[in-house]
Amino acid sequence: MDTLVFVWNNAASIGHMLVDHVLLVLAGVGCAIVTGVALGIVITLNERLARVVLYTAAMLMTIPSIALFGLLIPVLSLIGQGIGFLPAAIALFLYSQLPILRNTYAAIRNLDPALREAALGMGMTPWQRLYRVEMPIAVPIIMAGVRMAVVMNIGIAAIATYIGAGGLGRLISRGLSQSDPRQLVAGAVIVALLAILADLGLATLQWRLTPQGMRPRRARFLWRRGAPFTSTAVQSAEAR
């Protein structure tokens, strides 16, 4: 009850933290979608390049977030942006690469060869085949990677408060420093709810972007995040 009263009395400031948190995640993941999808398509053309890129992205995921923030601070200090929004957004951008890259690569590489041959027989150019055949089928799998990146980075963005990026992590850090369980619980619960709502919203978008012939039942799809699309396509790509 004390936590609810605290949230009610501080709704305006918590609202500002929530907006900052969402903008930070949107900036990091939004840029990662553009580069990750493009690079994921490119590496389908070269198996050796694909291994290098995917291994590099996997190595970035193993770096603890605090350590990555610490590595970015001296580099960005050269341009006067050592702390704050920019290093946090860059860190989230880097952490988003692996799920988006891997899902894009898996979706394009494991497309039925018969579909490519049919598109070629219809006289489509490589760009037309990519735009009209490959991408519509790959979009659901790519969106599953985007969902993973968003949910993961909503949690990581809370740690970015320690480098002055703001967001909901301020509630958690202040709760720890002031031994105030109200702020600690409020921050943790709001971050968790934000992740759940983002996942459900993106699940709906993923379902709508899926071609009608490939759509699963909606209720089952929403509650089993990524389940319809983490099948043999992703598994075979990981095996590589």
C-alpha atoms as a PDB file:
ATOM      1  CA  MET A   1       0.000   0.000   0.000  1.00  0.00           C
ATOM      2  CA  ASP A   2       2.863   2.397   0.813  1.00  0.00           C
ATOM      3  CA  THR A   3       4.280   1.780  -2.655  1.00  0.00           C
ATOM      4  CA  LEU A   4       0.960   2.614  -4.324  1.00  0.00           C
ATOM      5  CA  VAL A   5       0.677   5.804  -2.302  1.00  0.00           C
ATOM      6  CA  PHE A   6       4.224   6.745  -3.270  1.00  0.00           C
ATOM      7  CA  VAL A   7       3.496   6.165  -6.983  1.00  0.00           C
ATOM      8  CA  TRP A   8       0.285   8.205  -6.754  1.00  0.00           C
ATOM      9  CA  ASN A   9       1.995  11.118  -5.022  1.00  0.00           C
ATOM     10  CA  ASN A  10       4.894  11.119  -7.479  1.00  0.00           C
ATOM     11  CA  ALA A  11       3.000  10.260 -10.659  1.00  0.00           C
ATOM     12  CA  ALA A  12       4.279  13.294 -12.583  1.00  0.00           C
ATOM     13  CA  SER A  13       7.980  12.636 -11.961  1.00  0.00           C
ATOM     14  CA  ILE A  14       7.542   8.904 -12.555  1.00  0.00           C
ATOM     15  CA  GLY A  15       5.795   9.748 -15.831  1.00  0.00           C
ATOM     16  CA  HIS A  16       8.820  11.774 -16.948  1.00  0.00           C
ATOM     17  CA  MET A  17      11.132   8.895 -16.027  1.00  0.00           C
ATOM     18  CA  LEU A  18       8.926   6.511 -17.997  1.00  0.00           C
ATOM     19  CA  VAL A  19       9.081   8.729 -21.097  1.00  0.00           C
ATOM     20  CA  ASP A  20      12.871   8.989 -20.806  1.00  0.00           C
ATOM     21  CA  HIS A  21      13.110   5.214 -20.447  1.00  0.00           C
ATOM     22  CA  VAL A  22      10.937   4.543 -23.499  1.00  0.00           C
ATOM     23  CA  LEU A  23      12.808   7.087 -25.646  1.00  0.00           C
ATOM     24  CA  LEU A  24      16.129   5.529 -24.693  1.00  0.00           C
ATOM     25  CA  VAL A  25      14.971   2.046 -25.678  1.00  0.00           C
ATOM     26  CA  LEU A  26      13.381   3.324 -28.908  1.00  0.00           C
ATOM     27  CA  ALA A  27      16.584   5.090 -29.919  1.00  0.00           C
ATOM     28  CA  GLY A  28      18.803   2.070 -29.300  1.00  0.00           C
ATOM     29  CA  VAL A  29      16.531  -0.611 -30.756  1.00  0.00           C
ATOM     30  CA  GLY A  30      15.247   1.584 -33.603  1.00  0.00           C
ATOM     31  CA  CYS A  31      18.749   2.159 -34.961  1.00  0.00           C
ATOM     32  CA  ALA A  32      19.565  -1.524 -34.424  1.00  0.00           C
ATOM     33  CA  ILE A  33      16.584  -2.582 -36.546  1.00  0.00           C
ATOM     34  CA  VAL A  34      17.824  -0.523 -39.500  1.00  0.00           C
ATOM     35  CA  THR A  35      21.407  -1.772 -39.342  1.00  0.00           C
ATOM     36  CA  GLY A  36      20.653  -5.286 -38.091  1.00  0.00           C
ATOM     37  CA  VAL A  37      18.131  -6.144 -40.796  1.00  0.00           C
ATOM     38  CA  ALA A  38      20.304  -4.681 -43.559  1.00  0.00           C
ATOM     39  CA  LEU A  39      23.434  -6.456 -42.326  1.00  0.00           C
ATOM     40  CA  GLY A  40      21.498  -9.674 -41.760  1.00  0.00           C
ATOM     41  CA  ILE A  41      20.434  -9.658 -45.407  1.00  0.00           C
ATOM     42  CA  VAL A  42      23.960  -8.918 -46.609  1.00  0.00           C
ATOM     43  CA  ILE A  43      25.618 -11.741 -44.654  1.00  0.00           C
ATOM     44  CA  THR A  44      23.271 -14.321 -46.196  1.00  0.00           C
ATOM     45  CA  LEU A  45      25.383 -13.925 -49.337  1.00  0.00           C
ATOM     46  CA  ASN A  46      28.674 -14.917 -47.653  1.00  0.00           C
ATOM     47  CA  GLU A  47      28.931 -17.758 -45.125  1.00  0.00           C
ATOM     48  CA  ARG A  48      32.357 -16.710 -43.832  1.00  0.00           C
ATOM     49  CA  LEU A  49      31.244 -13.111 -43.308  1.00  0.00           C
ATOM     50  CA  ALA A  50      28.108 -14.379 -41.556  1.00  0.00           C
ATOM     51  CA  ARG A  51      30.167 -16.351 -39.038  1.00  0.00           C
ATOM     52  CA  VAL A  52      32.394 -13.368 -38.283  1.00  0.00           C
ATOM     53  CA  VAL A  53      29.485 -10.957 -37.866  1.00  0.00           C
ATOM     54  CA  LEU A  54      27.363 -13.304 -35.743  1.00  0.00           C
ATOM     55  CA  TYR A  55      30.292 -14.267 -33.499  1.00  0.00           C
ATOM     56  CA  THR A  56      31.158 -10.596 -33.022  1.00  0.00           C
ATOM     57  CA  ALA A  57      27.568  -9.777 -32.085  1.00  0.00           C
ATOM     58  CA  ALA A  58      27.526 -12.730 -29.682  1.00  0.00           C
ATOM     59  CA  MET A  59      30.737 -11.497 -28.046  1.00  0.00           C
ATOM     60  CA  LEU A  60      29.173  -8.071 -27.482  1.00  0.00           C
ATOM     61  CA  MET A  61      26.296  -9.749 -25.658  1.00  0.00           C
ATOM     62  CA  THR A  62      28.728 -11.302 -23.161  1.00  0.00           C
ATOM     63  CA  ILE A  63      30.027  -7.906 -21.996  1.00  0.00           C
ATOM     64  CA  PRO A  64      28.267  -6.831 -18.760  1.00  0.00           C
ATOM     65  CA  SER A  65      26.266  -3.646 -19.223  1.00  0.00           C
ATOM     66  CA  ILE A  66      28.152  -1.724 -16.535  1.00  0.00           C
ATOM     67  CA  ALA A  67      31.455  -2.667 -18.159  1.00  0.00           C
ATOM     68  CA  LEU A  68      30.216  -1.587 -21.587  1.00  0.00           C
ATOM     69  CA  PHE A  69      29.046   1.752 -20.175  1.00  0.00           C
ATOM     70  CA  GLY A  70      32.476   2.149 -18.625  1.00  0.00           C
ATOM     71  CA  LEU A  71      34.195   1.459 -21.957  1.00  0.00           C
ATOM     72  CA  LEU A  72      32.039   4.003 -23.776  1.00  0.00           C
ATOM     73  CA  ILE A  73      32.574   6.829 -21.276  1.00  0.00           C
ATOM     74  CA  PRO A  74      36.252   7.635 -22.103  1.00  0.00           C
ATOM     75  CA  VAL A  75      35.632   7.264 -25.849  1.00  0.00           C
ATOM     76  CA  LEU A  76      32.611   9.569 -25.944  1.00  0.00           C
ATOM     77  CA  SER A  77      34.244  11.997 -23.523  1.00  0.00           C
ATOM     78  CA  LEU A  78      36.375  13.083 -26.460  1.00  0.00           C
ATOM     79  CA  ILE A  79      33.263  14.715 -27.938  1.00  0.00           C
ATOM     80  CA  GLY A  80      31.838  15.840 -24.615  1.00  0.00           C
ATOM     81  CA  GLN A  81      29.229  13.058 -24.402  1.00  0.00           C
ATOM     82  CA  GLY A  82      30.837  10.717 -21.878  1.00  0.00           C
ATOM     83  CA  ILE A  83      27.727  10.341 -19.745  1.00  0.00           C
ATOM     84  CA  GLY A  84      24.019  10.700 -20.383  1.00  0.00           C
ATOM     85  CA  PHE A  85      21.727   9.624 -23.181  1.00  0.00           C
ATOM     86  CA  LEU A  86      24.241   8.940 -25.968  1.00  0.00           C
ATOM     87  CA  PRO A  87      26.435   6.241 -24.372  1.00  0.00           C
ATOM     88  CA  ALA A  88      23.338   4.492 -23.029  1.00  0.00           C
ATOM     89  CA  ALA A  89      21.671   4.503 -26.459  1.00  0.00           C
ATOM     90  CA  ILE A  90      24.846   3.178 -28.105  1.00  0.00           C
ATOM     91  CA  ALA A  91      25.068   0.358 -25.548  1.00  0.00           C
ATOM     92  CA  LEU A  92      21.441  -0.634 -26.176  1.00  0.00           C
ATOM     93  CA  PHE A  93      22.108  -0.458 -29.918  1.00  0.00           C
ATOM     94  CA  LEU A  94      25.006  -2.908 -29.563  1.00  0.00           C
ATOM     95  CA  TYR A  95      23.042  -5.287 -27.340  1.00  0.00           C
ATOM     96  CA  SER A  96      20.167  -5.330 -29.863  1.00  0.00           C
ATOM     97  CA  GLN A  97      22.303  -6.508 -32.761  1.00  0.00           C
ATOM     98  CA  LEU A  98      22.482 -10.239 -32.028  1.00  0.00           C
ATOM     99  CA  PRO A  99      18.760 -11.151 -31.856  1.00  0.00           C
ATOM    100  CA  ILE A 100      17.890  -8.988 -34.866  1.00  0.00           C
ATOM    101  CA  LEU A 101      20.886 -10.097 -36.936  1.00  0.00           C
ATOM    102  CA  ARG A 102      20.465 -13.767 -36.122  1.00  0.00           C
ATOM    103  CA  ASN A 103      16.733 -13.856 -36.829  1.00  0.00           C
ATOM    104  CA  THR A 104      17.117 -11.947 -40.103  1.00  0.00           C
ATOM    105  CA  TYR A 105      19.907 -14.260 -41.214  1.00  0.00           C
ATOM    106  CA  ALA A 106      17.952 -17.375 -40.215  1.00  0.00           C
ATOM    107  CA  ALA A 107      14.774 -16.201 -41.939  1.00  0.00           C
ATOM    108  CA  ILE A 108      16.448 -15.418 -45.279  1.00  0.00           C
ATOM    109  CA  ARG A 109      18.835 -18.386 -45.320  1.00  0.00           C
ATOM    110  CA  ASN A 110      16.164 -20.965 -44.558  1.00  0.00           C
ATOM    111  CA  LEU A 111      13.612 -19.755 -47.080  1.00  0.00           C
ATOM    112  CA  ASP A 112      12.270 -22.551 -49.284  1.00  0.00           C
ATOM    113  CA  PRO A 113      14.456 -22.639 -52.441  1.00  0.00           C
ATOM    114  CA  ALA A 114      11.339 -23.417 -54.485  1.00  0.00           C
ATOM    115  CA  LEU A 115      10.015 -19.941 -53.699  1.00  0.00           C
ATOM    116  CA  ARG A 116      13.190 -18.329 -55.019  1.00  0.00           C
ATOM    117  CA  GLU A 117      13.026 -20.435 -58.162  1.00  0.00           C
ATOM    118  CA  ALA A 118       9.375 -19.497 -58.688  1.00  0.00           C
ATOM    119  CA  ALA A 119      10.217 -15.796 -58.316  1.00  0.00           C
ATOM    120  CA  LEU A 120      13.109 -16.198 -60.748  1.00  0.00           C
ATOM    121  CA  GLY A 121      10.822 -17.970 -63.202  1.00  0.00           C
ATOM    122  CA  MET A 122       8.416 -15.021 -63.028  1.00  0.00           C
ATOM    123  CA  GLY A 123      11.219 -12.727 -64.159  1.00  0.00           C
ATOM    124  CA  MET A 124      11.773 -10.920 -60.848  1.00  0.00           C
ATOM    125  CA  THR A 125      15.033  -9.115 -60.255  1.00  0.00           C
ATOM    126  CA  PRO A 126      16.963  -9.921 -57.029  1.00  0.00           C
ATOM    127  CA  TRP A 127      15.583  -6.751 -55.393  1.00  0.00           C
ATOM    128  CA  GLN A 128      12.016  -7.582 -56.426  1.00  0.00           C
ATOM    129  CA  ARG A 129      12.429 -11.120 -55.114  1.00  0.00           C
ATOM    130  CA  LEU A 130      13.732  -9.775 -51.793  1.00  0.00           C
ATOM    131  CA  TYR A 131      10.969  -7.168 -51.442  1.00  0.00           C
ATOM    132  CA  ARG A 132       7.997  -9.193 -52.692  1.00  0.00           C
ATOM    133  CA  VAL A 133       8.843 -12.776 -51.693  1.00  0.00           C
ATOM    134  CA  GLU A 134      11.594 -13.116 -49.117  1.00  0.00           C
ATOM    135  CA  MET A 135      10.917 -10.184 -46.769  1.00  0.00           C
ATOM    136  CA  PRO A 136       7.150 -10.775 -46.304  1.00  0.00           C
ATOM    137  CA  ILE A 137       7.922 -14.338 -45.210  1.00  0.00           C
ATOM    138  CA  ALA A 138      10.915 -13.279 -43.099  1.00  0.00           C
ATOM    139  CA  VAL A 139       9.204 -10.360 -41.307  1.00  0.00           C
ATOM    140  CA  PRO A 140       7.547 -12.504 -38.582  1.00  0.00           C
ATOM    141  CA  ILE A 141      10.891 -14.074 -37.645  1.00  0.00           C
ATOM    142  CA  ILE A 142      12.623 -10.693 -37.712  1.00  0.00           C
ATOM    143  CA  MET A 143       9.900  -9.265 -35.480  1.00  0.00           C
ATOM    144  CA  ALA A 144      10.488 -12.079 -32.998  1.00  0.00           C
ATOM    145  CA  GLY A 145      14.092 -10.889 -32.758  1.00  0.00           C
ATOM    146  CA  VAL A 146      12.942  -7.295 -32.304  1.00  0.00           C
ATOM    147  CA  ARG A 147      10.671  -8.391 -29.453  1.00  0.00           C
ATOM    148  CA  MET A 148      13.563 -10.109 -27.715  1.00  0.00           C
ATOM    149  CA  ALA A 149      15.764  -7.043 -28.158  1.00  0.00           C
ATOM    150  CA  VAL A 150      13.130  -4.643 -26.809  1.00  0.00           C
ATOM    151  CA  VAL A 151      12.283  -6.709 -23.726  1.00  0.00           C
ATOM    152  CA  MET A 152      15.952  -7.283 -22.932  1.00  0.00           C
ATOM    153  CA  ASN A 153      16.895  -3.633 -23.338  1.00  0.00           C
ATOM    154  CA  ILE A 154      14.025  -2.344 -21.200  1.00  0.00           C
ATOM    155  CA  GLY A 155      15.797  -4.064 -18.327  1.00  0.00           C
ATOM    156  CA  ILE A 156      19.285  -2.950 -19.357  1.00  0.00           C
ATOM    157  CA  ALA A 157      18.116   0.664 -19.732  1.00  0.00           C
ATOM    158  CA  ALA A 158      17.354   0.707 -16.004  1.00  0.00           C
ATOM    159  CA  ILE A 159      21.083   0.279 -15.318  1.00  0.00           C
ATOM    160  CA  ALA A 160      21.879   3.263 -17.568  1.00  0.00           C
ATOM    161  CA  THR A 161      20.787   5.600 -14.793  1.00  0.00           C
ATOM    162  CA  TYR A 162      24.244   5.102 -13.258  1.00  0.00           C
ATOM    163  CA  ILE A 163      25.778   7.009 -16.179  1.00  0.00           C
ATOM    164  CA  GLY A 164      23.224   9.808 -16.036  1.00  0.00           C
ATOM    165  CA  ALA A 165      20.813   8.524 -18.696  1.00  0.00           C
ATOM    166  CA  GLY A 166      17.756   8.873 -16.466  1.00  0.00           C
ATOM    167  CA  GLY A 167      14.784   6.603 -16.903  1.00  0.00           C
ATOM    168  CA  LEU A 168      13.049   4.325 -14.428  1.00  0.00           C
ATOM    169  CA  GLY A 169      16.375   3.145 -13.088  1.00  0.00           C
ATOM    170  CA  ARG A 170      16.494   6.349 -11.049  1.00  0.00           C
ATOM    171  CA  LEU A 171      13.761   4.935  -8.805  1.00  0.00           C
ATOM    172  CA  ILE A 172      15.733   1.743  -8.268  1.00  0.00           C
ATOM    173  CA  SER A 173      19.059   3.507  -7.627  1.00  0.00           C
ATOM    174  CA  ARG A 174      17.469   5.982  -5.218  1.00  0.00           C
ATOM    175  CA  GLY A 175      15.648   3.192  -3.447  1.00  0.00           C
ATOM    176  CA  LEU A 176      18.932   1.380  -2.911  1.00  0.00           C
ATOM    177  CA  SER A 177      20.909   4.440  -1.823  1.00  0.00           C
ATOM    178  CA  GLN A 178      18.168   5.719   0.499  1.00  0.00           C
ATOM    179  CA  SER A 179      17.106   2.266   1.752  1.00  0.00           C
ATOM    180  CA  ASP A 180      13.587   3.112   0.576  1.00  0.00           C
ATOM    181  CA  PRO A 181      11.702  -0.057  -0.432  1.00  0.00           C
ATOM    182  CA  ARG A 182       8.835   2.012  -1.899  1.00  0.00           C
ATOM    183  CA  GLN A 183      11.010   3.446  -4.650  1.00  0.00           C
ATOM    184  CA  LEU A 184      12.805   0.143  -5.198  1.00  0.00           C
ATOM    185  CA  VAL A 185       9.604  -1.873  -5.583  1.00  0.00           C
ATOM    186  CA  ALA A 186       7.917   0.829  -7.684  1.00  0.00           C
ATOM    187  CA  GLY A 187      10.838   1.005 -10.103  1.00  0.00           C
ATOM    188  CA  ALA A 188      11.144  -2.771 -10.464  1.00  0.00           C
ATOM    189  CA  VAL A 189       7.414  -3.319 -10.949  1.00  0.00           C
ATOM    190  CA  ILE A 190       7.016  -0.510 -13.494  1.00  0.00           C
ATOM    191  CA  VAL A 191       9.997  -1.767 -15.515  1.00  0.00           C
ATOM    192  CA  ALA A 192       8.539  -5.290 -15.494  1.00  0.00           C
ATOM    193  CA  LEU A 193       5.091  -4.045 -16.547  1.00  0.00           C
ATOM    194  CA  LEU A 194       6.633  -1.954 -19.316  1.00  0.00           C
ATOM    195  CA  ALA A 195       8.462  -5.017 -20.642  1.00  0.00           C
ATOM    196  CA  ILE A 196       5.266  -7.093 -20.596  1.00  0.00           C
ATOM    197  CA  LEU A 197       3.200  -4.421 -22.345  1.00  0.00           C
ATOM    198  CA  ALA A 198       5.916  -3.842 -24.965  1.00  0.00           C
ATOM    199  CA  ASP A 199       6.103  -7.561 -25.655  1.00  0.00           C
ATOM    200  CA  LEU A 200       2.337  -7.900 -26.048  1.00  0.00           C
ATOM    201  CA  GLY A 201       2.165  -4.825 -28.264  1.00  0.00           C
ATOM    202  CA  LEU A 202       4.954  -6.075 -30.512  1.00  0.00           C
ATOM    203  CA  ALA A 203       3.361  -9.536 -30.553  1.00  0.00           C
ATOM    204  CA  THR A 204       0.203  -7.980 -31.971  1.00  0.00           C
ATOM    205  CA  LEU A 205       2.255  -6.109 -34.574  1.00  0.00           C
ATOM    206  CA  GLN A 206       4.130  -9.304 -35.432  1.00  0.00           C
ATOM    207  CA  TRP A 207       0.832 -11.149 -35.891  1.00  0.00           C
ATOM    208  CA  ARG A 208      -0.512  -8.415 -38.181  1.00  0.00           C
ATOM    209  CA  LEU A 209       2.670  -8.375 -40.286  1.00  0.00           C
ATOM    210  CA  THR A 210       2.532 -12.135 -40.747  1.00  0.00           C
ATOM    211  CA  PRO A 211       1.046 -13.213 -44.106  1.00  0.00           C
ATOM    212  CA  GLN A 212      -2.435 -14.612 -43.565  1.00  0.00           C
ATOM    213  CA  GLY A 213      -1.489 -18.104 -44.634  1.00  0.00           C
ATOM    214  CA  MET A 214       1.220 -18.246 -41.958  1.00  0.00           C
ATOM    215  CA  ARG A 215      -0.750 -16.748 -39.053  1.00  0.00           C
ATOM    216  CA  PRO A 216      -1.238 -18.960 -35.982  1.00  0.00           C
ATOM    217  CA  ARG A 217      -4.191 -18.595 -33.681  1.00  0.00           C
ATOM    218  CA  ARG A 218      -3.935 -15.138 -32.156  1.00  0.00           C
ATOM    219  CA  ALA A 219      -4.490 -15.967 -28.469  1.00  0.00           C
ATOM    220  CA  ARG A 220      -1.893 -18.724 -28.505  1.00  0.00           C
ATOM    221  CA  PHE A 221       0.522 -16.517 -30.419  1.00  0.00           C
ATOM    222  CA  LEU A 222       0.348 -13.580 -28.020  1.00  0.00           C
ATOM    223  CA  TRP A 223       1.146 -15.580 -24.933  1.00  0.00           C
ATOM    224  CA  ARG A 224       3.893 -17.743 -26.380  1.00  0.00           C
ATOM    225  CA  ARG A 225       6.462 -15.143 -27.300  1.00  0.00           C
ATOM    226  CA  GLY A 226       8.243 -16.083 -30.486  1.00  0.00           C
ATOM    227  CA  ALA A 227       7.176 -19.731 -30.222  1.00  0.00           C
ATOM    228  CA  PRO A 228       5.698 -20.030 -33.760  1.00  0.00           C
ATOM    229  CA  PHE A 229       8.924 -18.712 -35.259  1.00  0.00           C
ATOM    230  CA  THR A 230      11.691 -20.227 -33.146  1.00  0.00           C
ATOM    231  CA  SER A 231      11.383 -23.434 -35.090  1.00  0.00           C
ATOM    232  CA  THR A 232      13.842 -25.150 -37.399  1.00  0.00           C
ATOM    233  CA  ALA A 233      14.841 -21.860 -39.053  1.00  0.00           C
ATOM    234  CA  VAL A 234      16.413 -20.350 -35.969  1.00  0.00           C
ATOM    235  CA  GLN A 235      17.689 -23.670 -34.652  1.00  0.00           C
ATOM    236  CA  SER A 236      19.501 -24.498 -37.881  1.00  0.00           C
ATOM    237  CA  ALA A 237      21.066 -21.028 -37.994  1.00  0.00           C
ATOM    238  CA  GLU A 238      22.319 -21.423 -34.420  1.00  0.00           C
ATOM    239  CA  ALA A 239      23.748 -24.825 -35.317  1.00  0.00           C
ATOM    240  CA  ARG A 240      25.848 -23.178 -37.977  1.00  0.00           C
END
